[in-house]
């Protein structure tokens, strides 16, 4: 998250909208995860030129999932900063739970690198050194880039870039009831001050 966004204090109206938007993005993650997993299970064919749309839809659904996760986490981070201004650190536990399976910088890099994929393919991305990586998991070494999806049945892993997406989604699902309730409370509190 940009330093200026962290430091700028929001108005009551902005906090009201942020609470609403944060809950929307958290819900969207799971709508999009279902779409992503559904298309993942379809027969993709060998290449995008083979019959069927699954190969091409996979790329779109993957990007939509990455965007939803990024916005859900980024908005929650900002909401946490706003809550901390009033001494409320309850969202810290959610962010820490996410951080245990996917560093927040990796989620941001995943979004940025996919959004600017042509730059990275041309080796002109701003964090080119982080675009390709080696991931070691359960005795397996996996070469990956931020634009690849790796599903390895033997190791029971699913990576989007460096992010182990199946574990991230499980943590986010566990945290979803709290995020919904907290954003609703903040929304209703700010609603009275926003108008």
Protein backbone atom coordinates (compact mmCIF):
# COMPACT_ATOMS: atom_id res chain seq x y z
CA UNK A 1 0.00 0.00 0.00
CA UNK A 2 1.31 3.45 -0.88
CA UNK A 3 2.55 5.47 2.06
CA UNK A 4 0.27 8.40 1.18
CA UNK A 5 -2.80 6.17 1.41
CA UNK A 6 -1.69 4.85 4.79
CA UNK A 7 -1.09 8.28 6.26
CA UNK A 8 -4.09 10.20 4.93
CA UNK A 9 -6.92 10.17 7.43
CA UNK A 10 -10.32 9.48 5.90
CA UNK A 11 -13.51 11.43 6.42
CA UNK A 12 -16.57 9.79 7.88
CA UNK A 13 -18.04 9.44 4.37
CA UNK A 14 -14.85 7.83 3.08
CA UNK A 15 -14.75 5.34 5.98
CA UNK A 16 -18.42 4.50 5.37
CA UNK A 17 -17.68 3.77 1.71
CA UNK A 18 -14.48 1.86 2.54
CA UNK A 19 -16.29 -0.45 4.99
CA UNK A 20 -18.92 -1.19 2.32
CA UNK A 21 -16.32 -1.69 -0.42
CA UNK A 22 -14.13 -3.92 1.76
CA UNK A 23 -17.00 -6.30 2.43
CA UNK A 24 -17.88 -6.33 -1.28
CA UNK A 25 -14.31 -7.31 -2.24
CA UNK A 26 -14.13 -10.02 0.43
CA UNK A 27 -17.38 -11.53 -0.85
CA UNK A 28 -16.15 -11.17 -4.45
CA UNK A 29 -13.06 -13.24 -3.66
CA UNK A 30 -15.22 -16.30 -3.03
CA UNK A 31 -17.53 -15.73 -5.99
CA UNK A 32 -14.45 -15.43 -8.19
CA UNK A 33 -12.66 -18.38 -6.55
CA UNK A 34 -15.61 -20.60 -7.48
CA UNK A 35 -15.47 -19.38 -11.07
CA UNK A 36 -11.70 -19.92 -11.16
CA UNK A 37 -11.93 -23.44 -9.72
CA UNK A 38 -14.83 -24.34 -12.04
CA UNK A 39 -12.87 -23.36 -15.14
CA UNK A 40 -9.74 -25.05 -13.74
CA UNK A 41 -11.64 -28.36 -13.73
CA UNK A 42 -12.79 -28.03 -17.36
CA UNK A 43 -10.90 -29.66 -20.23
CA UNK A 44 -8.53 -26.95 -21.40
CA UNK A 45 -7.09 -28.69 -24.44
CA UNK A 46 -3.39 -28.39 -25.04
CA UNK A 47 -3.28 -24.82 -26.32
CA UNK A 48 -5.51 -21.76 -26.70
CA UNK A 49 -6.10 -22.81 -30.33
CA UNK A 50 -7.68 -26.14 -29.36
CA UNK A 51 -11.43 -26.49 -29.30
CA UNK A 52 -13.21 -25.06 -26.26
CA UNK A 53 -13.03 -21.83 -24.31
CA UNK A 54 -11.67 -23.16 -21.01
CA UNK A 55 -8.03 -22.44 -21.82
CA UNK A 56 -8.75 -18.79 -22.55
CA UNK A 57 -11.34 -18.37 -19.78
CA UNK A 58 -8.82 -19.70 -17.29
CA UNK A 59 -6.57 -16.67 -17.92
CA UNK A 60 -9.45 -14.23 -17.39
CA UNK A 61 -10.85 -15.93 -14.28
CA UNK A 62 -7.35 -16.16 -12.82
CA UNK A 63 -6.77 -12.44 -13.29
CA UNK A 64 -10.18 -11.57 -11.82
CA UNK A 65 -9.36 -13.72 -8.76
CA UNK A 66 -5.99 -12.01 -8.34
CA UNK A 67 -7.64 -8.58 -8.56
CA UNK A 68 -10.36 -9.50 -6.05
CA UNK A 69 -7.81 -10.81 -3.54
CA UNK A 70 -5.61 -7.75 -3.96
CA UNK A 71 -8.47 -5.29 -3.45
CA UNK A 72 -9.88 -7.26 -0.49
CA UNK A 73 -6.51 -7.19 1.28
CA UNK A 74 -5.57 -3.62 0.33
CA UNK A 75 -8.94 -2.24 1.46
CA UNK A 76 -8.72 -4.21 4.70
CA UNK A 77 -5.25 -2.77 5.35
CA UNK A 78 -6.56 0.78 4.94
CA UNK A 79 -9.58 0.02 7.10
CA UNK A 80 -7.19 -1.31 9.74
CA UNK A 81 -5.21 1.96 9.68
CA UNK A 82 -8.43 3.90 10.17
CA UNK A 83 -9.51 1.64 13.06
CA UNK A 84 -6.11 1.99 14.72
CA UNK A 85 -6.58 5.78 14.79
CA UNK A 86 -9.38 5.08 17.29
CA UNK A 87 -7.45 2.43 19.23
CA UNK A 88 -9.16 -0.54 17.56
CA UNK A 89 -6.62 -3.19 16.49
CA UNK A 90 -9.11 -6.01 15.87
CA UNK A 91 -8.35 -6.21 12.13
CA UNK A 92 -4.67 -6.88 12.88
CA UNK A 93 -5.47 -10.54 13.57
CA UNK A 94 -7.02 -10.93 10.11
CA UNK A 95 -4.03 -9.37 8.38
CA UNK A 96 -1.63 -11.47 10.45
CA UNK A 97 -3.52 -14.65 9.53
CA UNK A 98 -3.21 -13.76 5.84
CA UNK A 99 0.47 -12.93 6.27
CA UNK A 100 1.16 -16.44 7.65
CA UNK A 101 0.32 -18.01 4.27
CA UNK A 102 0.93 -15.17 1.80
CA UNK A 103 3.08 -12.14 2.51
CA UNK A 104 1.10 -9.01 1.63
CA UNK A 105 3.96 -7.87 -0.65
CA UNK A 106 3.62 -11.13 -2.64
CA UNK A 107 -0.11 -10.48 -3.15
CA UNK A 108 0.65 -6.96 -4.39
CA UNK A 109 3.47 -8.21 -6.64
CA UNK A 110 1.17 -10.89 -8.07
CA UNK A 111 -1.41 -8.24 -8.99
CA UNK A 112 1.15 -5.78 -10.35
CA UNK A 113 3.08 -8.34 -12.37
CA UNK A 114 -0.05 -9.79 -13.95
CA UNK A 115 -1.47 -6.35 -14.67
CA UNK A 116 1.80 -5.42 -16.41
CA UNK A 117 2.55 -8.85 -17.87
CA UNK A 118 3.83 -7.52 -21.19
CA UNK A 119 6.45 -5.43 -19.39
CA UNK A 120 7.62 -8.51 -17.50
CA UNK A 121 7.72 -10.68 -20.61
CA UNK A 122 9.94 -8.01 -22.18
CA UNK A 123 12.07 -8.09 -18.99
CA UNK A 124 11.23 -4.45 -18.25
CA UNK A 125 9.10 -4.93 -15.13
CA UNK A 126 9.97 -2.80 -12.12
CA UNK A 127 10.66 -5.85 -9.93
CA UNK A 128 12.03 -8.16 -12.60
CA UNK A 129 14.20 -9.94 -10.02
CA UNK A 130 11.03 -11.04 -8.20
CA UNK A 131 9.11 -12.12 -11.33
CA UNK A 132 10.73 -15.56 -11.58
CA UNK A 133 11.25 -17.65 -8.49
CA UNK A 134 12.04 -21.07 -7.14
CA UNK A 135 9.55 -22.38 -4.64
CA UNK A 136 10.43 -25.38 -2.49
CA UNK A 137 7.56 -27.26 -0.93
CA UNK A 138 7.39 -30.75 0.59
CA UNK A 139 10.56 -31.89 -1.19
CA UNK A 140 9.51 -30.47 -4.55
CA UNK A 141 11.27 -27.57 -6.26
CA UNK A 142 9.00 -25.59 -8.54
CA UNK A 143 10.15 -22.96 -11.01
CA UNK A 144 7.47 -20.32 -11.36
CA UNK A 145 6.76 -16.81 -12.56
CA UNK A 146 4.10 -14.41 -11.37
CA UNK A 147 2.09 -15.14 -14.51
CA UNK A 148 2.03 -18.92 -14.13
CA UNK A 149 -0.37 -21.14 -12.28
CA UNK A 150 1.10 -24.35 -10.87
CA UNK A 151 -1.15 -27.17 -9.72
CA UNK A 152 0.88 -30.08 -8.38
CA UNK A 153 -1.28 -32.98 -7.24
CA UNK A 154 1.52 -35.01 -5.63
CA UNK A 155 2.63 -32.10 -3.45
CA UNK A 156 -1.00 -30.99 -2.95
CA UNK A 157 -0.21 -27.39 -3.85
CA UNK A 158 -1.69 -24.71 -6.06
CA UNK A 159 0.39 -21.63 -6.74
CA UNK A 160 -0.47 -18.41 -8.49
CA UNK A 161 3.02 -17.03 -8.89
CA UNK A 162 4.58 -17.36 -5.41
CA UNK A 163 1.21 -17.31 -3.60
CA UNK A 164 -0.08 -20.68 -2.44
CA UNK A 165 -3.63 -19.77 -3.41
CA UNK A 166 -5.46 -22.72 -1.87
CA UNK A 167 -4.02 -21.92 1.58
CA UNK A 168 -4.70 -18.20 1.18
CA UNK A 169 -8.34 -18.86 0.25
CA UNK A 170 -8.77 -21.14 3.29
CA UNK A 171 -7.44 -18.47 5.64
CA UNK A 172 -9.60 -15.80 4.03
CA UNK A 173 -12.65 -18.07 4.29
CA UNK A 174 -11.97 -18.57 8.01
CA UNK A 175 -11.72 -14.80 8.48
CA UNK A 176 -14.73 -13.92 6.30
CA UNK A 177 -17.41 -14.00 9.06
CA UNK A 178 -15.38 -11.61 11.22
CA UNK A 179 -14.63 -9.29 8.26
CA UNK A 180 -18.32 -9.20 7.32
CA UNK A 181 -19.42 -8.41 10.87
CA UNK A 182 -16.68 -5.83 11.47
CA UNK A 183 -17.32 -4.00 8.19
CA UNK A 184 -21.06 -3.99 8.91
CA UNK A 185 -20.49 -2.44 12.35
CA UNK A 186 -18.13 0.16 10.88
CA UNK A 187 -20.52 0.87 8.00
CA UNK A 188 -23.46 1.45 10.36
CA UNK A 189 -21.34 3.56 12.71
CA UNK A 190 -20.01 5.74 9.88
CA UNK A 191 -23.41 5.91 8.17
CA UNK A 192 -24.71 8.18 10.88
CA UNK A 193 -21.68 10.46 10.60
CA UNK A 194 -21.45 10.36 6.80
CA UNK A 195 -24.74 12.08 6.04
